[in-house]
Amino acid sequence: MKLLDELDRMGVAIASNLKDIFADVPPGHPLFRRFSLITPDALPDYLRRLARLPAEGRLSEADSVAFLALALAYVEPRMRFGLLDEALAKRMVGARGIVQGFMHGDDGCDVESYDPNRINPRSTVLDNLLFGRIDTARMHGEALIQQEARAVFREFDLERPIQRRGLEKDVGNRGQLLAERVRVRIGLARAILREPEILVVDRVDEHLERGVETLLDVAGATLPRASLVASLSPDADLARFPARLPLRDADTRLRSAAE
């Protein structure tokens, strides 16, 4: 129970951080993509739960379940709230054997543990390929791993079958269950389909293969007479813009802001 209490406290701390971060932030703001632990629809419920926290003692069962959900989905290198210290990490690792033993017991809950010799049907294709998770603390780590994984899929002629299986995926409310790079690409595609006169994008290049090059190719091919206003990732190759823009036979104007 002590570990559960600590995870409850972690969930409360996460909710408190999110409360401060999303104060006066509209539902469609990109911050909700950055902190994908919570959706705009779920935020008011957590605010009500925070407002009724007891001064002392344990949380109610319903509140414990809600805050525990935040704690279990928390990734320290991605969120960086400083909530997962070494002592708590060791206790969680120590609890693995007990939890797995309970889940595989007579009243088991059908949990699939990792086995290096077989596919885990309840995990993602990428996690099965890597036999682990991507280190989000490494700059551009996810983009690099995705690039290498796709090269492996192509080599074994698996790319198309995996893409078709992806069409069956439950994406969740507002695409919450999708990876950020996928949500960004879908958002870009939806914006292009509207055929806007001005296309405004915010650091889309870091989620695209070939980055700025792809952004320019897509914008030029699909919206040849639109203006493109782009805020770029810090490592974007700005030298490509003066070389590429004169080749456009269109009214394309680009403002770049490397943050």
C-alpha atoms as a PDB file:
ATOM      1  CA  MET A   1       0.000   0.000   0.000  1.00  0.00           C
ATOM      2  CA  LYS A   2       2.885   2.373   0.649  1.00  0.00           C
ATOM      3  CA  LEU A   3       3.954   2.220  -3.000  1.00  0.00           C
ATOM      4  CA  LEU A   4       0.352   2.902  -4.046  1.00  0.00           C
ATOM      5  CA  ASP A   5       0.279   5.927  -1.737  1.00  0.00           C
ATOM      6  CA  GLU A   6       3.468   7.252  -3.313  1.00  0.00           C
ATOM      7  CA  LEU A   7       2.063   6.742  -6.805  1.00  0.00           C
ATOM      8  CA  ASP A   8      -1.111   8.543  -5.730  1.00  0.00           C
ATOM      9  CA  ARG A   9       1.018  11.469  -4.552  1.00  0.00           C
ATOM     10  CA  MET A  10       2.905  11.413  -7.839  1.00  0.00           C
ATOM     11  CA  GLY A  11      -0.392  11.549  -9.727  1.00  0.00           C
ATOM     12  CA  VAL A  12      -1.533  14.508  -7.638  1.00  0.00           C
ATOM     13  CA  ALA A  13       1.762  16.299  -8.297  1.00  0.00           C
ATOM     14  CA  ILE A  14       1.416  15.636 -12.049  1.00  0.00           C
ATOM     15  CA  ALA A  15      -2.135  16.998 -12.028  1.00  0.00           C
ATOM     16  CA  SER A  16      -0.991  20.084 -10.112  1.00  0.00           C
ATOM     17  CA  ASN A  17       1.745  20.717 -12.677  1.00  0.00           C
ATOM     18  CA  LEU A  18      -0.712  20.289 -15.531  1.00  0.00           C
ATOM     19  CA  LYS A  19      -3.124  22.667 -13.812  1.00  0.00           C
ATOM     20  CA  ASP A  20      -0.456  25.381 -13.806  1.00  0.00           C
ATOM     21  CA  ILE A  21       0.701  24.626 -17.348  1.00  0.00           C
ATOM     22  CA  PHE A  22      -2.785  24.702 -18.870  1.00  0.00           C
ATOM     23  CA  ALA A  23      -4.140  27.691 -16.966  1.00  0.00           C
ATOM     24  CA  ASP A  24      -5.884  29.900 -19.566  1.00  0.00           C
ATOM     25  CA  VAL A  25      -4.706  27.615 -22.423  1.00  0.00           C
ATOM     26  CA  PRO A  26      -7.441  26.984 -25.055  1.00  0.00           C
ATOM     27  CA  PRO A  27      -8.360  23.328 -25.872  1.00  0.00           C
ATOM     28  CA  GLY A  28      -6.699  23.263 -29.304  1.00  0.00           C
ATOM     29  CA  HIS A  29      -3.330  24.589 -28.104  1.00  0.00           C
ATOM     30  CA  PRO A  30      -0.181  22.594 -29.112  1.00  0.00           C
ATOM     31  CA  LEU A  31       0.740  22.245 -25.422  1.00  0.00           C
ATOM     32  CA  PHE A  32      -1.805  19.447 -25.172  1.00  0.00           C
ATOM     33  CA  ARG A  33       0.281  17.495 -27.713  1.00  0.00           C
ATOM     34  CA  ARG A  34       3.448  18.111 -25.732  1.00  0.00           C
ATOM     35  CA  PHE A  35       1.901  16.846 -22.479  1.00  0.00           C
ATOM     36  CA  SER A  36      -0.165  13.984 -23.865  1.00  0.00           C
ATOM     37  CA  LEU A  37      -0.992  12.618 -20.408  1.00  0.00           C
ATOM     38  CA  ILE A  38      -4.237  14.538 -20.458  1.00  0.00           C
ATOM     39  CA  THR A  39      -6.827  15.749 -22.948  1.00  0.00           C
ATOM     40  CA  PRO A  40      -8.675  19.073 -22.847  1.00  0.00           C
ATOM     41  CA  ASP A  41     -11.871  17.161 -22.028  1.00  0.00           C
ATOM     42  CA  ALA A  42     -10.289  15.425 -19.009  1.00  0.00           C
ATOM     43  CA  LEU A  43      -8.675  18.537 -17.502  1.00  0.00           C
ATOM     44  CA  PRO A  44     -11.813  19.921 -15.766  1.00  0.00           C
ATOM     45  CA  ASP A  45     -12.372  16.575 -14.028  1.00  0.00           C
ATOM     46  CA  TYR A  46      -8.840  16.613 -12.615  1.00  0.00           C
ATOM     47  CA  LEU A  47      -9.267  20.209 -11.496  1.00  0.00           C
ATOM     48  CA  ARG A  48     -12.366  19.182  -9.522  1.00  0.00           C
ATOM     49  CA  ARG A  49     -10.472  16.279  -7.970  1.00  0.00           C
ATOM     50  CA  LEU A  50      -7.599  18.566  -6.956  1.00  0.00           C
ATOM     51  CA  ALA A  51     -10.042  21.006  -5.362  1.00  0.00           C
ATOM     52  CA  ARG A  52     -11.479  18.320  -3.065  1.00  0.00           C
ATOM     53  CA  LEU A  53      -8.222  16.677  -1.944  1.00  0.00           C
ATOM     54  CA  PRO A  54      -8.347  15.743   1.769  1.00  0.00           C
ATOM     55  CA  ALA A  55      -6.002  17.605   4.101  1.00  0.00           C
ATOM     56  CA  GLU A  56      -4.692  14.255   5.333  1.00  0.00           C
ATOM     57  CA  GLY A  57      -5.359  10.546   4.922  1.00  0.00           C
ATOM     58  CA  ARG A  58      -5.817   8.452   1.812  1.00  0.00           C
ATOM     59  CA  LEU A  59      -7.652   9.478  -1.312  1.00  0.00           C
ATOM     60  CA  SER A  60     -11.071   8.114  -2.141  1.00  0.00           C
ATOM     61  CA  GLU A  61     -11.054   5.027  -4.363  1.00  0.00           C
ATOM     62  CA  ALA A  62     -12.260   6.981  -7.414  1.00  0.00           C
ATOM     63  CA  ASP A  63      -9.672   9.746  -6.963  1.00  0.00           C
ATOM     64  CA  SER A  64      -6.910   7.206  -6.363  1.00  0.00           C
ATOM     65  CA  VAL A  65      -7.735   5.454  -9.645  1.00  0.00           C
ATOM     66  CA  ALA A  66      -7.763   8.766 -11.550  1.00  0.00           C
ATOM     67  CA  PHE A  67      -4.449  10.059 -10.172  1.00  0.00           C
ATOM     68  CA  LEU A  68      -2.828   6.623 -10.445  1.00  0.00           C
ATOM     69  CA  ALA A  69      -3.611   6.671 -14.179  1.00  0.00           C
ATOM     70  CA  LEU A  70      -1.502   9.829 -14.527  1.00  0.00           C
ATOM     71  CA  ALA A  71       1.362   8.342 -12.515  1.00  0.00           C
ATOM     72  CA  LEU A  72       1.463   5.094 -14.501  1.00  0.00           C
ATOM     73  CA  ALA A  73       1.560   6.990 -17.817  1.00  0.00           C
ATOM     74  CA  TYR A  74       4.283   9.391 -16.639  1.00  0.00           C
ATOM     75  CA  VAL A  75       7.627   9.352 -18.504  1.00  0.00           C
ATOM     76  CA  GLU A  76      10.283  11.333 -16.636  1.00  0.00           C
ATOM     77  CA  PRO A  77      12.587  12.177 -19.587  1.00  0.00           C
ATOM     78  CA  ARG A  78       9.604  13.424 -21.602  1.00  0.00           C
ATOM     79  CA  MET A  79       7.638  15.332 -18.932  1.00  0.00           C
ATOM     80  CA  ARG A  80      10.604  16.334 -16.756  1.00  0.00           C
ATOM     81  CA  PHE A  81       8.660  17.220 -13.612  1.00  0.00           C
ATOM     82  CA  GLY A  82      11.395  15.636 -11.461  1.00  0.00           C
ATOM     83  CA  LEU A  83       8.969  13.206  -9.779  1.00  0.00           C
ATOM     84  CA  LEU A  84      10.667   9.851 -10.411  1.00  0.00           C
ATOM     85  CA  ASP A  85      13.714   9.739  -8.164  1.00  0.00           C
ATOM     86  CA  GLU A  86      16.109   6.806  -7.784  1.00  0.00           C
ATOM     87  CA  ALA A  87      14.530   5.514  -4.576  1.00  0.00           C
ATOM     88  CA  LEU A  88      11.036   5.345  -6.067  1.00  0.00           C
ATOM     89  CA  ALA A  89      12.378   3.805  -9.281  1.00  0.00           C
ATOM     90  CA  LYS A  90      14.063   0.989  -7.288  1.00  0.00           C
ATOM     91  CA  ARG A  91      10.857   0.282  -5.373  1.00  0.00           C
ATOM     92  CA  MET A  92       8.861   0.069  -8.593  1.00  0.00           C
ATOM     93  CA  VAL A  93      11.396  -2.313 -10.152  1.00  0.00           C
ATOM     94  CA  GLY A  94      11.321  -4.411  -6.991  1.00  0.00           C
ATOM     95  CA  ALA A  95       7.538  -4.705  -7.247  1.00  0.00           C
ATOM     96  CA  ARG A  96       7.651  -6.162 -10.762  1.00  0.00           C
ATOM     97  CA  GLY A  97       7.991  -9.773  -9.692  1.00  0.00           C
ATOM     98  CA  ILE A  98       5.109  -9.529  -7.223  1.00  0.00           C
ATOM     99  CA  VAL A  99       2.827  -7.826  -9.744  1.00  0.00           C
ATOM    100  CA  GLN A 100       3.632 -10.296 -12.535  1.00  0.00           C
ATOM    101  CA  GLY A 101       3.175 -13.250 -10.173  1.00  0.00           C
ATOM    102  CA  PHE A 102      -0.256 -11.953  -9.169  1.00  0.00           C
ATOM    103  CA  MET A 103      -1.307 -11.238 -12.740  1.00  0.00           C
ATOM    104  CA  HIS A 104      -0.357 -14.758 -13.863  1.00  0.00           C
ATOM    105  CA  GLY A 105      -1.945 -16.470 -10.849  1.00  0.00           C
ATOM    106  CA  ASP A 106      -5.246 -18.332 -10.558  1.00  0.00           C
ATOM    107  CA  ASP A 107      -7.123 -15.054 -10.852  1.00  0.00           C
ATOM    108  CA  GLY A 108      -4.781 -13.735 -13.519  1.00  0.00           C
ATOM    109  CA  CYS A 109      -5.590 -10.612 -15.511  1.00  0.00           C
ATOM    110  CA  ASP A 110      -4.113 -11.776 -18.813  1.00  0.00           C
ATOM    111  CA  VAL A 111      -0.949  -9.655 -18.813  1.00  0.00           C
ATOM    112  CA  GLU A 112       1.596 -10.298 -21.547  1.00  0.00           C
ATOM    113  CA  SER A 113       5.174 -10.143 -20.271  1.00  0.00           C
ATOM    114  CA  TYR A 114       8.074  -9.537 -22.642  1.00  0.00           C
ATOM    115  CA  ASP A 115       9.703 -12.661 -24.014  1.00  0.00           C
ATOM    116  CA  PRO A 116      12.696 -12.248 -26.381  1.00  0.00           C
ATOM    117  CA  ASN A 117      11.643 -15.331 -28.364  1.00  0.00           C
ATOM    118  CA  ARG A 118       8.098 -14.328 -29.332  1.00  0.00           C
ATOM    119  CA  ILE A 119       5.886 -11.427 -30.305  1.00  0.00           C
ATOM    120  CA  ASN A 120       4.042  -9.586 -27.532  1.00  0.00           C
ATOM    121  CA  PRO A 121       0.557  -9.195 -29.089  1.00  0.00           C
ATOM    122  CA  ARG A 122      -0.450  -6.454 -26.661  1.00  0.00           C
ATOM    123  CA  SER A 123       2.512  -4.234 -27.390  1.00  0.00           C
ATOM    124  CA  THR A 124       3.263  -2.134 -30.453  1.00  0.00           C
ATOM    125  CA  VAL A 125       5.083  -3.434 -33.511  1.00  0.00           C
ATOM    126  CA  LEU A 126       7.886  -0.955 -32.833  1.00  0.00           C
ATOM    127  CA  ASP A 127       8.269  -2.047 -29.203  1.00  0.00           C
ATOM    128  CA  ASN A 128       8.437  -5.674 -30.330  1.00  0.00           C
ATOM    129  CA  LEU A 129      11.110  -4.815 -32.866  1.00  0.00           C
ATOM    130  CA  LEU A 130      13.184  -2.807 -30.381  1.00  0.00           C
ATOM    131  CA  PHE A 131      12.349  -5.000 -27.373  1.00  0.00           C
ATOM    132  CA  GLY A 132      12.096  -1.797 -25.373  1.00  0.00           C
ATOM    133  CA  ARG A 133      11.164   1.866 -25.499  1.00  0.00           C
ATOM    134  CA  ILE A 134      12.869   4.834 -27.126  1.00  0.00           C
ATOM    135  CA  ASP A 135      15.017   7.039 -24.890  1.00  0.00           C
ATOM    136  CA  THR A 136      13.134  10.332 -25.139  1.00  0.00           C
ATOM    137  CA  ALA A 137      15.955  12.154 -23.342  1.00  0.00           C
ATOM    138  CA  ARG A 138      18.174  11.802 -26.404  1.00  0.00           C
ATOM    139  CA  MET A 139      17.710  14.664 -28.845  1.00  0.00           C
ATOM    140  CA  HIS A 140      15.900  13.491 -31.992  1.00  0.00           C
ATOM    141  CA  GLY A 141      16.107   9.933 -30.660  1.00  0.00           C
ATOM    142  CA  GLU A 142      12.575   9.036 -31.720  1.00  0.00           C
ATOM    143  CA  ALA A 143      13.044  10.360 -35.248  1.00  0.00           C
ATOM    144  CA  LEU A 144      16.315   8.436 -35.671  1.00  0.00           C
ATOM    145  CA  ILE A 145      14.844   5.187 -34.349  1.00  0.00           C
ATOM    146  CA  GLN A 146      11.771   5.543 -36.557  1.00  0.00           C
ATOM    147  CA  GLN A 147      14.022   6.040 -39.575  1.00  0.00           C
ATOM    148  CA  GLU A 148      16.085   2.939 -38.779  1.00  0.00           C
ATOM    149  CA  ALA A 149      12.972   0.870 -38.031  1.00  0.00           C
ATOM    150  CA  ARG A 150      11.394   1.764 -41.359  1.00  0.00           C
ATOM    151  CA  ALA A 151      14.606   0.743 -43.119  1.00  0.00           C
ATOM    152  CA  VAL A 152      14.340  -2.675 -41.449  1.00  0.00           C
ATOM    153  CA  PHE A 153      10.658  -2.971 -42.420  1.00  0.00           C
ATOM    154  CA  ARG A 154      11.525  -2.199 -46.048  1.00  0.00           C
ATOM    155  CA  GLU A 155      14.360  -4.713 -46.058  1.00  0.00           C
ATOM    156  CA  PHE A 156      11.993  -7.489 -44.936  1.00  0.00           C
ATOM    157  CA  ASP A 157       9.083  -6.257 -47.103  1.00  0.00           C
ATOM    158  CA  LEU A 158       6.958  -5.469 -44.040  1.00  0.00           C
ATOM    159  CA  GLU A 159       6.225  -1.770 -44.509  1.00  0.00           C
ATOM    160  CA  ARG A 160       2.940  -2.091 -46.459  1.00  0.00           C
ATOM    161  CA  PRO A 161       1.427  -4.852 -44.268  1.00  0.00           C
ATOM    162  CA  ILE A 162       2.225  -2.855 -41.134  1.00  0.00           C
ATOM    163  CA  GLN A 163       0.711   0.296 -42.631  1.00  0.00           C
ATOM    164  CA  ARG A 164      -2.501  -1.596 -43.432  1.00  0.00           C
ATOM    165  CA  ARG A 165      -2.681  -2.911 -39.876  1.00  0.00           C
ATOM    166  CA  GLY A 166      -2.262   0.645 -38.660  1.00  0.00           C
ATOM    167  CA  LEU A 167      -5.605   1.573 -40.217  1.00  0.00           C
ATOM    168  CA  GLU A 168      -7.271  -0.635 -37.572  1.00  0.00           C
ATOM    169  CA  LYS A 169      -5.683   1.164 -34.630  1.00  0.00           C
ATOM    170  CA  ASP A 170      -7.858   2.847 -31.991  1.00  0.00           C
ATOM    171  CA  VAL A 171      -6.476   6.405 -31.968  1.00  0.00           C
ATOM    172  CA  GLY A 172      -8.411   7.578 -28.895  1.00  0.00           C
ATOM    173  CA  ASN A 173     -10.077  10.915 -28.257  1.00  0.00           C
ATOM    174  CA  ARG A 174      -8.478  13.610 -30.443  1.00  0.00           C
ATOM    175  CA  GLY A 175      -5.796  11.102 -31.450  1.00  0.00           C
ATOM    176  CA  GLN A 176      -4.436  10.853 -27.889  1.00  0.00           C
ATOM    177  CA  LEU A 177      -3.190   7.295 -28.437  1.00  0.00           C
ATOM    178  CA  LEU A 178      -1.154   8.231 -31.492  1.00  0.00           C
ATOM    179  CA  ALA A 179       2.515   9.123 -31.342  1.00  0.00           C
ATOM    180  CA  GLU A 180       3.142  12.870 -31.499  1.00  0.00           C
ATOM    181  CA  ARG A 181       4.875  12.631 -34.890  1.00  0.00           C
ATOM    182  CA  VAL A 182       1.786  10.884 -36.312  1.00  0.00           C
ATOM    183  CA  ARG A 183      -0.605  13.463 -34.839  1.00  0.00           C
ATOM    184  CA  VAL A 184       1.494  16.257 -36.318  1.00  0.00           C
ATOM    185  CA  ARG A 185       1.563  14.672 -39.776  1.00  0.00           C
ATOM    186  CA  ILE A 186      -2.184  14.065 -39.742  1.00  0.00           C
ATOM    187  CA  GLY A 187      -2.753  17.656 -38.629  1.00  0.00           C
ATOM    188  CA  LEU A 188      -0.583  18.877 -41.508  1.00  0.00           C
ATOM    189  CA  ALA A 189      -2.490  16.707 -43.991  1.00  0.00           C
ATOM    190  CA  ARG A 190      -5.853  17.986 -42.725  1.00  0.00           C
ATOM    191  CA  ALA A 191      -4.666  21.578 -43.022  1.00  0.00           C
ATOM    192  CA  ILE A 192      -3.469  21.009 -46.605  1.00  0.00           C
ATOM    193  CA  LEU A 193      -6.778  19.396 -47.602  1.00  0.00           C
ATOM    194  CA  ARG A 194      -8.525  22.667 -46.720  1.00  0.00           C
ATOM    195  CA  GLU A 195      -6.427  24.371 -49.415  1.00  0.00           C
ATOM    196  CA  PRO A 196      -5.683  27.489 -47.331  1.00  0.00           C
ATOM    197  CA  GLU A 197      -4.299  30.675 -48.816  1.00  0.00           C
ATOM    198  CA  ILE A 198      -1.882  30.874 -45.860  1.00  0.00           C
ATOM    199  CA  LEU A 199      -0.486  27.716 -44.244  1.00  0.00           C
ATOM    200  CA  VAL A 200       0.960  28.292 -40.762  1.00  0.00           C
ATOM    201  CA  VAL A 201       3.001  25.481 -39.203  1.00  0.00           C
ATOM    202  CA  ASP A 202       4.831  25.255 -35.892  1.00  0.00           C
ATOM    203  CA  ARG A 203       7.976  23.083 -35.857  1.00  0.00           C
ATOM    204  CA  VAL A 204       6.423  20.507 -38.151  1.00  0.00           C
ATOM    205  CA  ASP A 205       9.821  19.876 -39.759  1.00  0.00           C
ATOM    206  CA  GLU A 206      11.130  17.931 -36.756  1.00  0.00           C
ATOM    207  CA  HIS A 207       8.389  15.324 -37.260  1.00  0.00           C
ATOM    208  CA  LEU A 208       8.993  14.802 -40.999  1.00  0.00           C
ATOM    209  CA  GLU A 209      11.517  12.623 -42.749  1.00  0.00           C
ATOM    210  CA  ARG A 210      14.086  14.944 -44.363  1.00  0.00           C
ATOM    211  CA  GLY A 211      12.661  17.781 -42.248  1.00  0.00           C
ATOM    212  CA  VAL A 212      12.571  21.140 -44.034  1.00  0.00           C
ATOM    213  CA  GLU A 213      13.118  19.473 -47.409  1.00  0.00           C
ATOM    214  CA  THR A 214       9.905  17.474 -47.040  1.00  0.00           C
ATOM    215  CA  LEU A 215       7.971  20.495 -45.781  1.00  0.00           C
ATOM    216  CA  LEU A 216       8.979  22.547 -48.818  1.00  0.00           C
ATOM    217  CA  ASP A 217       8.271  19.706 -51.241  1.00  0.00           C
ATOM    218  CA  VAL A 218       4.795  19.047 -49.802  1.00  0.00           C
ATOM    219  CA  ALA A 219       3.835  22.726 -49.599  1.00  0.00           C
ATOM    220  CA  GLY A 220       5.082  23.406 -53.120  1.00  0.00           C
ATOM    221  CA  ALA A 221       3.363  20.377 -54.662  1.00  0.00           C
ATOM    222  CA  THR A 222      -0.008  20.692 -52.930  1.00  0.00           C
ATOM    223  CA  LEU A 223      -0.369  24.437 -52.320  1.00  0.00           C
ATOM    224  CA  PRO A 224       1.693  26.094 -55.073  1.00  0.00           C
ATOM    225  CA  ARG A 225       0.000  29.492 -54.661  1.00  0.00           C
ATOM    226  CA  ALA A 226      -0.294  29.562 -50.890  1.00  0.00           C
ATOM    227  CA  SER A 227       1.879  31.499 -48.492  1.00  0.00           C
ATOM    228  CA  LEU A 228       3.793  29.382 -46.014  1.00  0.00           C
ATOM    229  CA  VAL A 229       4.607  30.759 -42.557  1.00  0.00           C
ATOM    230  CA  ALA A 230       6.802  28.343 -40.631  1.00  0.00           C
ATOM    231  CA  SER A 231       8.324  28.285 -37.170  1.00  0.00           C
ATOM    232  CA  LEU A 232      11.223  25.822 -37.386  1.00  0.00           C
ATOM    233  CA  SER A 233      13.077  23.585 -34.971  1.00  0.00           C
ATOM    234  CA  PRO A 234      16.456  24.873 -33.750  1.00  0.00           C
ATOM    235  CA  ASP A 235      18.483  22.488 -35.909  1.00  0.00           C
ATOM    236  CA  ALA A 236      16.610  23.239 -39.158  1.00  0.00           C
ATOM    237  CA  ASP A 237      18.834  23.867 -42.151  1.00  0.00           C
ATOM    238  CA  LEU A 238      17.877  27.481 -42.894  1.00  0.00           C
ATOM    239  CA  ALA A 239      20.287  27.602 -45.829  1.00  0.00           C
ATOM    240  CA  ARG A 240      17.810  25.555 -47.863  1.00  0.00           C
ATOM    241  CA  PHE A 241      15.274  28.362 -48.017  1.00  0.00           C
ATOM    242  CA  PRO A 242      17.022  30.893 -50.268  1.00  0.00           C
ATOM    243  CA  ALA A 243      18.131  28.057 -52.551  1.00  0.00           C
ATOM    244  CA  ARG A 244      14.675  26.549 -52.919  1.00  0.00           C
ATOM    245  CA  LEU A 245      12.237  29.459 -52.856  1.00  0.00           C
ATOM    246  CA  PRO A 246      13.235  31.052 -56.206  1.00  0.00           C
ATOM    247  CA  LEU A 247      12.441  27.722 -57.885  1.00  0.00           C
ATOM    248  CA  ARG A 248       8.784  28.023 -56.922  1.00  0.00           C
ATOM    249  CA  ASP A 249       6.583  29.296 -59.702  1.00  0.00           C
ATOM    250  CA  ALA A 250       4.133  30.577 -57.108  1.00  0.00           C
ATOM    251  CA  ASP A 251       3.354  33.273 -54.625  1.00  0.00           C
ATOM    252  CA  THR A 252       5.147  31.560 -51.744  1.00  0.00           C
ATOM    253  CA  ARG A 253       6.488  33.642 -48.898  1.00  0.00           C
ATOM    254  CA  LEU A 254       8.273  32.033 -45.968  1.00  0.00           C
ATOM    255  CA  ARG A 255       9.139  33.416 -42.587  1.00  0.00           C
ATOM    256  CA  SER A 256      11.422  31.187 -40.549  1.00  0.00           C
ATOM    257  CA  ALA A 257      11.963  31.487 -36.816  1.00  0.00           C
ATOM    258  CA  ALA A 258      14.545  29.094 -35.455  1.00  0.00           C
ATOM    259  CA  GLU A 259      13.746  28.946 -31.781  1.00  0.00           C
END
